[in-house]
Amino acid sequence: MPQGKLQVVLVSAKGLENTDFLCNMDPYVLLTCRTQEQKSSVASGKGSEPEWNEDFIFNISEGASELALKIMDSDTGSQDDFVGEVA
């Protein structure tokens, strides 16, 4: 069974819809490859143009054909808001 490692470089996002009413949102990204999930740091106060410049490594095997990214807005005192996703 072929296997290896997948390196993902999360650089930035542009044009996100701001989910916070009075201030800039605090976005982060959940990266999922099959059963493996990793989380970026929170880009505090970066609003709709966040930058992360972070590396993530996933162990992959045969059948791993999709990487999903979900962008969330970190909120203190309430549930985090969904911003968007891509696979």
PDB file of N, CA and C in Angstrom:
ATOM      1  N   MET A   1       0.850  -1.175   0.000  1.00  0.00           N
ATOM      2  CA  MET A   1       0.000   0.000   0.000  1.00  0.00           C
ATOM      3  C   MET A   1       0.900   1.244   0.000  1.00  0.00           C
ATOM      4  N   PRO A   2       0.816   2.097  -1.033  1.00  0.00           N
ATOM      5  CA  PRO A   2       1.627   3.324  -1.064  1.00  0.00           C
ATOM      6  C   PRO A   2       1.282   4.249   0.088  1.00  0.00           C
ATOM      7  N   GLN A   3       2.298   4.871   0.634  1.00  0.00           N
ATOM      8  CA  GLN A   3       2.069   5.829   1.708  1.00  0.00           C
ATOM      9  C   GLN A   3       3.160   6.877   1.681  1.00  0.00           C
ATOM     10  N   GLY A   4       2.940   7.955   2.390  1.00  0.00           N
ATOM     11  CA  GLY A   4       3.917   9.030   2.425  1.00  0.00           C
ATOM     12  C   GLY A   4       3.430  10.161   3.301  1.00  0.00           C
ATOM     13  N   LYS A   5       4.007  11.310   3.063  1.00  0.00           N
ATOM     14  CA  LYS A   5       3.646  12.497   3.836  1.00  0.00           C
ATOM     15  C   LYS A   5       3.206  13.600   2.879  1.00  0.00           C
ATOM     16  N   LEU A   6       2.214  14.352   3.314  1.00  0.00           N
ATOM     17  CA  LEU A   6       1.727  15.499   2.557  1.00  0.00           C
ATOM     18  C   LEU A   6       2.042  16.744   3.371  1.00  0.00           C
ATOM     19  N   GLN A   7       2.807  17.656   2.788  1.00  0.00           N
ATOM     20  CA  GLN A   7       3.115  18.928   3.455  1.00  0.00           C
ATOM     21  C   GLN A   7       2.202  19.999   2.878  1.00  0.00           C
ATOM     22  N   VAL A   8       1.498  20.698   3.766  1.00  0.00           N
ATOM     23  CA  VAL A   8       0.590  21.769   3.376  1.00  0.00           C
ATOM     24  C   VAL A   8       1.122  23.068   3.965  1.00  0.00           C
ATOM     25  N   VAL A   9       1.258  24.080   3.114  1.00  0.00           N
ATOM     26  CA  VAL A   9       1.673  25.401   3.577  1.00  0.00           C
ATOM     27  C   VAL A   9       0.455  26.314   3.516  1.00  0.00           C
ATOM     28  N   LEU A  10      -0.019  26.718   4.679  1.00  0.00           N
ATOM     29  CA  LEU A  10      -1.163  27.631   4.781  1.00  0.00           C
ATOM     30  C   LEU A  10      -0.608  29.047   4.813  1.00  0.00           C
ATOM     31  N   VAL A  11      -0.821  29.798   3.750  1.00  0.00           N
ATOM     32  CA  VAL A  11      -0.226  31.125   3.620  1.00  0.00           C
ATOM     33  C   VAL A  11      -1.180  32.209   4.103  1.00  0.00           C
ATOM     34  N   SER A  12      -2.308  32.370   3.420  1.00  0.00           N
ATOM     35  CA  SER A  12      -3.217  33.469   3.756  1.00  0.00           C
ATOM     36  C   SER A  12      -4.588  33.222   3.136  1.00  0.00           C
ATOM     37  N   ALA A  13      -5.503  34.127   3.438  1.00  0.00           N
ATOM     38  CA  ALA A  13      -6.828  34.133   2.812  1.00  0.00           C
ATOM     39  C   ALA A  13      -7.149  35.577   2.444  1.00  0.00           C
ATOM     40  N   LYS A  14      -7.969  35.736   1.420  1.00  0.00           N
ATOM     41  CA  LYS A  14      -8.343  37.084   0.977  1.00  0.00           C
ATOM     42  C   LYS A  14      -9.840  37.143   0.710  1.00  0.00           C
ATOM     43  N   GLY A  15     -10.438  38.276   1.029  1.00  0.00           N
ATOM     44  CA  GLY A  15     -11.838  38.503   0.700  1.00  0.00           C
ATOM     45  C   GLY A  15     -12.830  37.737   1.546  1.00  0.00           C
ATOM     46  N   LEU A  16     -12.445  37.368   2.764  1.00  0.00           N
ATOM     47  CA  LEU A  16     -13.389  36.667   3.636  1.00  0.00           C
ATOM     48  C   LEU A  16     -14.473  37.623   4.114  1.00  0.00           C
ATOM     49  N   GLU A  17     -15.666  37.081   4.304  1.00  0.00           N
ATOM     50  CA  GLU A  17     -16.766  37.891   4.842  1.00  0.00           C
ATOM     51  C   GLU A  17     -16.591  38.001   6.351  1.00  0.00           C
ATOM     52  N   ASN A  18     -16.545  39.220   6.875  1.00  0.00           N
ATOM     53  CA  ASN A  18     -16.344  39.442   8.303  1.00  0.00           C
ATOM     54  C   ASN A  18     -17.602  39.040   9.058  1.00  0.00           C
ATOM     55  N   THR A  19     -17.467  38.073   9.972  1.00  0.00           N
ATOM     56  CA  THR A  19     -18.625  37.591  10.733  1.00  0.00           C
ATOM     57  C   THR A  19     -18.818  38.350  12.041  1.00  0.00           C
ATOM     58  N   ASP A  20     -17.878  39.210  12.405  1.00  0.00           N
ATOM     59  CA  ASP A  20     -18.010  40.001  13.631  1.00  0.00           C
ATOM     60  C   ASP A  20     -18.606  41.364  13.306  1.00  0.00           C
ATOM     61  N   PHE A  21     -19.535  41.796  14.129  1.00  0.00           N
ATOM     62  CA  PHE A  21     -20.279  43.026  13.862  1.00  0.00           C
ATOM     63  C   PHE A  21     -19.481  44.293  14.169  1.00  0.00           C
ATOM     64  N   LEU A  22     -18.863  44.375  15.314  1.00  0.00           N
ATOM     65  CA  LEU A  22     -18.215  45.619  15.735  1.00  0.00           C
ATOM     66  C   LEU A  22     -16.696  45.649  15.583  1.00  0.00           C
ATOM     67  N   CYS A  23     -16.088  44.510  15.283  1.00  0.00           N
ATOM     68  CA  CYS A  23     -14.626  44.489  15.167  1.00  0.00           C
ATOM     69  C   CYS A  23     -14.206  43.466  14.118  1.00  0.00           C
ATOM     70  N   ASN A  24     -12.913  43.398  13.859  1.00  0.00           N
ATOM     71  CA  ASN A  24     -12.402  42.414  12.908  1.00  0.00           C
ATOM     72  C   ASN A  24     -12.475  41.016  13.497  1.00  0.00           C
ATOM     73  N   MET A  25     -12.759  40.043  12.645  1.00  0.00           N
ATOM     74  CA  MET A  25     -12.828  38.668  13.129  1.00  0.00           C
ATOM     75  C   MET A  25     -11.430  38.114  13.382  1.00  0.00           C
ATOM     76  N   ASP A  26     -11.395  36.983  14.066  1.00  0.00           N
ATOM     77  CA  ASP A  26     -10.160  36.300  14.449  1.00  0.00           C
ATOM     78  C   ASP A  26     -10.162  34.913  13.799  1.00  0.00           C
ATOM     79  N   PRO A  27      -9.798  34.817  12.523  1.00  0.00           N
ATOM     80  CA  PRO A  27      -9.938  33.551  11.805  1.00  0.00           C
ATOM     81  C   PRO A  27      -8.844  32.534  12.119  1.00  0.00           C
ATOM     82  N   TYR A  28      -9.247  31.266  12.008  1.00  0.00           N
ATOM     83  CA  TYR A  28      -8.309  30.143  12.053  1.00  0.00           C
ATOM     84  C   TYR A  28      -8.820  29.097  11.076  1.00  0.00           C
ATOM     85  N   VAL A  29      -7.981  28.106  10.764  1.00  0.00           N
ATOM     86  CA  VAL A  29      -8.336  27.091   9.776  1.00  0.00           C
ATOM     87  C   VAL A  29      -8.210  25.696  10.388  1.00  0.00           C
ATOM     88  N   LEU A  30      -9.211  24.862  10.136  1.00  0.00           N
ATOM     89  CA  LEU A  30      -9.164  23.446  10.470  1.00  0.00           C
ATOM     90  C   LEU A  30      -8.841  22.697   9.188  1.00  0.00           C
ATOM     91  N   LEU A  31      -7.755  21.944   9.183  1.00  0.00           N
ATOM     92  CA  LEU A  31      -7.323  21.172   8.022  1.00  0.00           C
ATOM     93  C   LEU A  31      -7.571  19.705   8.326  1.00  0.00           C
ATOM     94  N   THR A  32      -8.281  19.003   7.430  1.00  0.00           N
ATOM     95  CA  THR A  32      -8.633  17.614   7.667  1.00  0.00           C
ATOM     96  C   THR A  32      -8.278  16.760   6.458  1.00  0.00           C
ATOM     97  N   CYS A  33      -7.544  15.678   6.726  1.00  0.00           N
ATOM     98  CA  CYS A  33      -7.228  14.680   5.706  1.00  0.00           C
ATOM     99  C   CYS A  33      -7.602  13.327   6.296  1.00  0.00           C
ATOM    100  N   ARG A  34      -8.687  12.763   5.806  1.00  0.00           N
ATOM    101  CA  ARG A  34      -9.279  11.530   6.343  1.00  0.00           C
ATOM    102  C   ARG A  34      -9.572  11.700   7.823  1.00  0.00           C
ATOM    103  N   THR A  35      -8.895  10.988   8.703  1.00  0.00           N
ATOM    104  CA  THR A  35      -9.192  11.072  10.132  1.00  0.00           C
ATOM    105  C   THR A  35      -8.261  12.029  10.869  1.00  0.00           C
ATOM    106  N   GLN A  36      -7.311  12.624  10.163  1.00  0.00           N
ATOM    107  CA  GLN A  36      -6.358  13.531  10.793  1.00  0.00           C
ATOM    108  C   GLN A  36      -6.863  14.970  10.696  1.00  0.00           C
ATOM    109  N   GLU A  37      -6.893  15.663  11.828  1.00  0.00           N
ATOM    110  CA  GLU A  37      -7.312  17.065  11.829  1.00  0.00           C
ATOM    111  C   GLU A  37      -6.252  17.902  12.534  1.00  0.00           C
ATOM    112  N   GLN A  38      -5.909  19.029  11.915  1.00  0.00           N
ATOM    113  CA  GLN A  38      -4.961  19.960  12.507  1.00  0.00           C
ATOM    114  C   GLN A  38      -5.566  21.353  12.462  1.00  0.00           C
ATOM    115  N   LYS A  39      -5.111  22.206  13.373  1.00  0.00           N
ATOM    116  CA  LYS A  39      -5.670  23.549  13.501  1.00  0.00           C
ATOM    117  C   LYS A  39      -4.547  24.581  13.415  1.00  0.00           C
ATOM    118  N   SER A  40      -4.796  25.630  12.643  1.00  0.00           N
ATOM    119  CA  SER A  40      -3.837  26.729  12.559  1.00  0.00           C
ATOM    120  C   SER A  40      -3.921  27.591  13.808  1.00  0.00           C
ATOM    121  N   SER A  41      -3.017  28.507  13.923  1.00  0.00           N
ATOM    122  CA  SER A  41      -3.118  29.501  14.985  1.00  0.00           C
ATOM    123  C   SER A  41      -4.260  30.463  14.644  1.00  0.00           C
ATOM    124  N   VAL A  42      -4.716  31.202  15.628  1.00  0.00           N
ATOM    125  CA  VAL A  42      -5.767  32.201  15.413  1.00  0.00           C
ATOM    126  C   VAL A  42      -5.098  33.497  14.966  1.00  0.00           C
ATOM    127  N   ALA A  43      -5.538  34.030  13.824  1.00  0.00           N
ATOM    128  CA  ALA A  43      -5.018  35.301  13.311  1.00  0.00           C
ATOM    129  C   ALA A  43      -5.821  36.423  13.968  1.00  0.00           C
ATOM    130  N   SER A  44      -5.473  36.731  15.192  1.00  0.00           N
ATOM    131  CA  SER A  44      -6.245  37.680  16.011  1.00  0.00           C
ATOM    132  C   SER A  44      -6.374  39.052  15.363  1.00  0.00           C
ATOM    133  N   GLY A  45      -7.621  39.484  15.181  1.00  0.00           N
ATOM    134  CA  GLY A  45      -7.902  40.815  14.657  1.00  0.00           C
ATOM    135  C   GLY A  45      -7.530  41.041  13.210  1.00  0.00           C
ATOM    136  N   LYS A  46      -7.242  39.971  12.449  1.00  0.00           N
ATOM    137  CA  LYS A  46      -6.798  40.130  11.057  1.00  0.00           C
ATOM    138  C   LYS A  46      -7.940  40.236  10.062  1.00  0.00           C
ATOM    139  N   GLY A  47      -9.167  40.041  10.518  1.00  0.00           N
ATOM    140  CA  GLY A  47     -10.335  40.271   9.668  1.00  0.00           C
ATOM    141  C   GLY A  47     -10.391  39.434   8.416  1.00  0.00           C
ATOM    142  N   SER A  48     -10.704  40.068   7.287  1.00  0.00           N
ATOM    143  CA  SER A  48     -10.939  39.353   6.037  1.00  0.00           C
ATOM    144  C   SER A  48      -9.676  39.100   5.219  1.00  0.00           C
ATOM    145  N   GLU A  49      -8.504  39.482   5.724  1.00  0.00           N
ATOM    146  CA  GLU A  49      -7.240  39.286   4.999  1.00  0.00           C
ATOM    147  C   GLU A  49      -6.177  38.647   5.909  1.00  0.00           C
ATOM    148  N   PRO A  50      -6.471  37.507   6.549  1.00  0.00           N
ATOM    149  CA  PRO A  50      -5.517  36.917   7.499  1.00  0.00           C
ATOM    150  C   PRO A  50      -4.304  36.288   6.816  1.00  0.00           C
ATOM    151  N   GLU A  51      -3.203  36.247   7.540  1.00  0.00           N
ATOM    152  CA  GLU A  51      -1.992  35.559   7.100  1.00  0.00           C
ATOM    153  C   GLU A  51      -1.541  34.629   8.210  1.00  0.00           C
ATOM    154  N   TRP A  52      -1.141  33.400   7.829  1.00  0.00           N
ATOM    155  CA  TRP A  52      -0.677  32.420   8.804  1.00  0.00           C
ATOM    156  C   TRP A  52       0.773  32.009   8.557  1.00  0.00           C
ATOM    157  N   ASN A  53       1.114  31.677   7.320  1.00  0.00           N
ATOM    158  CA  ASN A  53       2.454  31.185   6.977  1.00  0.00           C
ATOM    159  C   ASN A  53       2.865  30.031   7.891  1.00  0.00           C
ATOM    160  N   GLU A  54       2.032  28.984   7.924  1.00  0.00           N
ATOM    161  CA  GLU A  54       2.264  27.818   8.770  1.00  0.00           C
ATOM    162  C   GLU A  54       2.341  26.549   7.923  1.00  0.00           C
ATOM    163  N   ASP A  55       3.147  25.595   8.381  1.00  0.00           N
ATOM    164  CA  ASP A  55       3.298  24.297   7.718  1.00  0.00           C
ATOM    165  C   ASP A  55       2.563  23.218   8.502  1.00  0.00           C
ATOM    166  N   PHE A  56       1.960  22.287   7.781  1.00  0.00           N
ATOM    167  CA  PHE A  56       1.277  21.148   8.379  1.00  0.00           C
ATOM    168  C   PHE A  56       1.701  19.894   7.631  1.00  0.00           C
ATOM    169  N   ILE A  57       1.913  18.807   8.356  1.00  0.00           N
ATOM    170  CA  ILE A  57       2.298  17.529   7.757  1.00  0.00           C
ATOM    171  C   ILE A  57       1.210  16.500   8.062  1.00  0.00           C
ATOM    172  N   PHE A  58       0.753  15.816   7.012  1.00  0.00           N
ATOM    173  CA  PHE A  58      -0.219  14.739   7.149  1.00  0.00           C
ATOM    174  C   PHE A  58       0.415  13.438   6.668  1.00  0.00           C
ATOM    175  N   ASN A  59       0.187  12.349   7.394  1.00  0.00           N
ATOM    176  CA  ASN A  59       0.579  11.016   6.942  1.00  0.00           C
ATOM    177  C   ASN A  59      -0.529  10.530   6.027  1.00  0.00           C
ATOM    178  N   ILE A  60      -0.155  10.132   4.824  1.00  0.00           N
ATOM    179  CA  ILE A  60      -1.177   9.702   3.868  1.00  0.00           C
ATOM    180  C   ILE A  60      -0.917   8.267   3.431  1.00  0.00           C
ATOM    181  N   SER A  61      -1.968   7.617   3.029  1.00  0.00           N
ATOM    182  CA  SER A  61      -1.888   6.261   2.502  1.00  0.00           C
ATOM    183  C   SER A  61      -2.829   6.162   1.307  1.00  0.00           C
ATOM    184  N   GLU A  62      -2.828   5.023   0.678  1.00  0.00           N
ATOM    185  CA  GLU A  62      -3.687   4.799  -0.474  1.00  0.00           C
ATOM    186  C   GLU A  62      -5.134   5.102  -0.112  1.00  0.00           C
ATOM    187  N   GLY A  63      -5.820   5.811  -0.960  1.00  0.00           N
ATOM    188  CA  GLY A  63      -7.210   6.158  -0.719  1.00  0.00           C
ATOM    189  C   GLY A  63      -7.404   7.557  -0.161  1.00  0.00           C
ATOM    190  N   ALA A  64      -6.315   8.189   0.262  1.00  0.00           N
ATOM    191  CA  ALA A  64      -6.420   9.568   0.756  1.00  0.00           C
ATOM    192  C   ALA A  64      -6.445  10.490  -0.451  1.00  0.00           C
ATOM    193  N   SER A  65      -7.629  10.987  -0.786  1.00  0.00           N
ATOM    194  CA  SER A  65      -7.757  11.766  -2.012  1.00  0.00           C
ATOM    195  C   SER A  65      -8.266  13.181  -1.781  1.00  0.00           C
ATOM    196  N   GLU A  66      -8.509  13.551  -0.521  1.00  0.00           N
ATOM    197  CA  GLU A  66      -9.097  14.867  -0.286  1.00  0.00           C
ATOM    198  C   GLU A  66      -8.499  15.526   0.948  1.00  0.00           C
ATOM    199  N   LEU A  67      -8.277  16.818   0.825  1.00  0.00           N
ATOM    200  CA  LEU A  67      -7.863  17.666   1.942  1.00  0.00           C
ATOM    201  C   LEU A  67      -8.945  18.729   2.087  1.00  0.00           C
ATOM    202  N   ALA A  68      -9.528  18.826   3.274  1.00  0.00           N
ATOM    203  CA  ALA A  68     -10.592  19.804   3.516  1.00  0.00           C
ATOM    204  C   ALA A  68     -10.069  20.916   4.416  1.00  0.00           C
ATOM    205  N   LEU A  69     -10.392  22.146   4.071  1.00  0.00           N
ATOM    206  CA  LEU A  69     -10.042  23.305   4.881  1.00  0.00           C
ATOM    207  C   LEU A  69     -11.324  24.022   5.267  1.00  0.00           C
ATOM    208  N   LYS A  70     -11.486  24.270   6.561  1.00  0.00           N
ATOM    209  CA  LYS A  70     -12.663  24.975   7.064  1.00  0.00           C
ATOM    210  C   LYS A  70     -12.177  26.207   7.825  1.00  0.00           C
ATOM    211  N   ILE A  71     -12.641  27.375   7.431  1.00  0.00           N
ATOM    212  CA  ILE A  71     -12.249  28.618   8.089  1.00  0.00           C
ATOM    213  C   ILE A  71     -13.304  28.984   9.125  1.00  0.00           C
ATOM    214  N   MET A  72     -12.836  29.244  10.335  1.00  0.00           N
ATOM    215  CA  MET A  72     -13.707  29.586  11.449  1.00  0.00           C
ATOM    216  C   MET A  72     -13.261  30.923  12.035  1.00  0.00           C
ATOM    217  N   ASP A  73     -14.188  31.587  12.721  1.00  0.00           N
ATOM    218  CA  ASP A  73     -13.900  32.837  13.431  1.00  0.00           C
ATOM    219  C   ASP A  73     -13.943  32.537  14.921  1.00  0.00           C
ATOM    220  N   SER A  74     -12.813  32.702  15.588  1.00  0.00           N
ATOM    221  CA  SER A  74     -12.725  32.444  17.019  1.00  0.00           C
ATOM    222  C   SER A  74     -13.475  33.523  17.790  1.00  0.00           C
ATOM    223  N   ASP A  75     -14.407  33.095  18.635  1.00  0.00           N
ATOM    224  CA  ASP A  75     -15.194  34.027  19.453  1.00  0.00           C
ATOM    225  C   ASP A  75     -15.045  33.659  20.923  1.00  0.00           C
ATOM    226  N   THR A  76     -14.772  34.644  21.757  1.00  0.00           N
ATOM    227  CA  THR A  76     -14.684  34.431  23.197  1.00  0.00           C
ATOM    228  C   THR A  76     -16.076  34.541  23.801  1.00  0.00           C
ATOM    229  N   GLY A  77     -16.448  33.573  24.598  1.00  0.00           N
ATOM    230  CA  GLY A  77     -17.738  33.622  25.277  1.00  0.00           C
ATOM    231  C   GLY A  77     -18.911  33.102  24.474  1.00  0.00           C
ATOM    232  N   SER A  78     -18.672  32.704  23.220  1.00  0.00           N
ATOM    233  CA  SER A  78     -19.742  32.116  22.410  1.00  0.00           C
ATOM    234  C   SER A  78     -19.128  31.130  21.426  1.00  0.00           C
ATOM    235  N   GLN A  79     -19.987  30.400  20.737  1.00  0.00           N
ATOM    236  CA  GLN A  79     -19.522  29.407  19.776  1.00  0.00           C
ATOM    237  C   GLN A  79     -18.820  30.095  18.602  1.00  0.00           C
ATOM    238  N   ASP A  80     -17.728  29.486  18.114  1.00  0.00           N
ATOM    239  CA  ASP A  80     -17.010  30.035  16.964  1.00  0.00           C
ATOM    240  C   ASP A  80     -17.916  30.038  15.731  1.00  0.00           C
ATOM    241  N   ASP A  81     -17.739  31.049  14.877  1.00  0.00           N
ATOM    242  CA  ASP A  81     -18.580  31.197  13.686  1.00  0.00           C
ATOM    243  C   ASP A  81     -17.931  30.535  12.476  1.00  0.00           C
ATOM    244  N   PHE A  82     -18.758  29.876  11.661  1.00  0.00           N
ATOM    245  CA  PHE A  82     -18.320  29.300  10.401  1.00  0.00           C
ATOM    246  C   PHE A  82     -18.129  30.426   9.386  1.00  0.00           C
ATOM    247  N   VAL A  83     -16.999  30.433   8.683  1.00  0.00           N
ATOM    248  CA  VAL A  83     -16.730  31.453   7.662  1.00  0.00           C
ATOM    249  C   VAL A  83     -16.813  30.859   6.267  1.00  0.00           C
ATOM    250  N   GLY A  84     -16.197  29.687   6.057  1.00  0.00           N
ATOM    251  CA  GLY A  84     -16.237  29.056   4.748  1.00  0.00           C
ATOM    252  C   GLY A  84     -15.419  27.777   4.735  1.00  0.00           C
ATOM    253  N   GLU A  85     -15.531  27.029   3.633  1.00  0.00           N
ATOM    254  CA  GLU A  85     -14.759  25.800   3.521  1.00  0.00           C
ATOM    255  C   GLU A  85     -14.501  25.456   2.062  1.00  0.00           C
ATOM    256  N   VAL A  86     -13.491  24.595   1.868  1.00  0.00           N
ATOM    257  CA  VAL A  86     -13.130  24.127   0.534  1.00  0.00           C
ATOM    258  C   VAL A  86     -12.514  22.746   0.685  1.00  0.00           C
ATOM    259  N   ALA A  87     -12.677  21.923  -0.332  1.00  0.00           N
ATOM    260  CA  ALA A  87     -12.076  20.576  -0.319  1.00  0.00           C
ATOM    261  C   ALA A  87     -11.349  20.367  -1.627  1.00  0.00           C
TER     262      ALA A  87
END
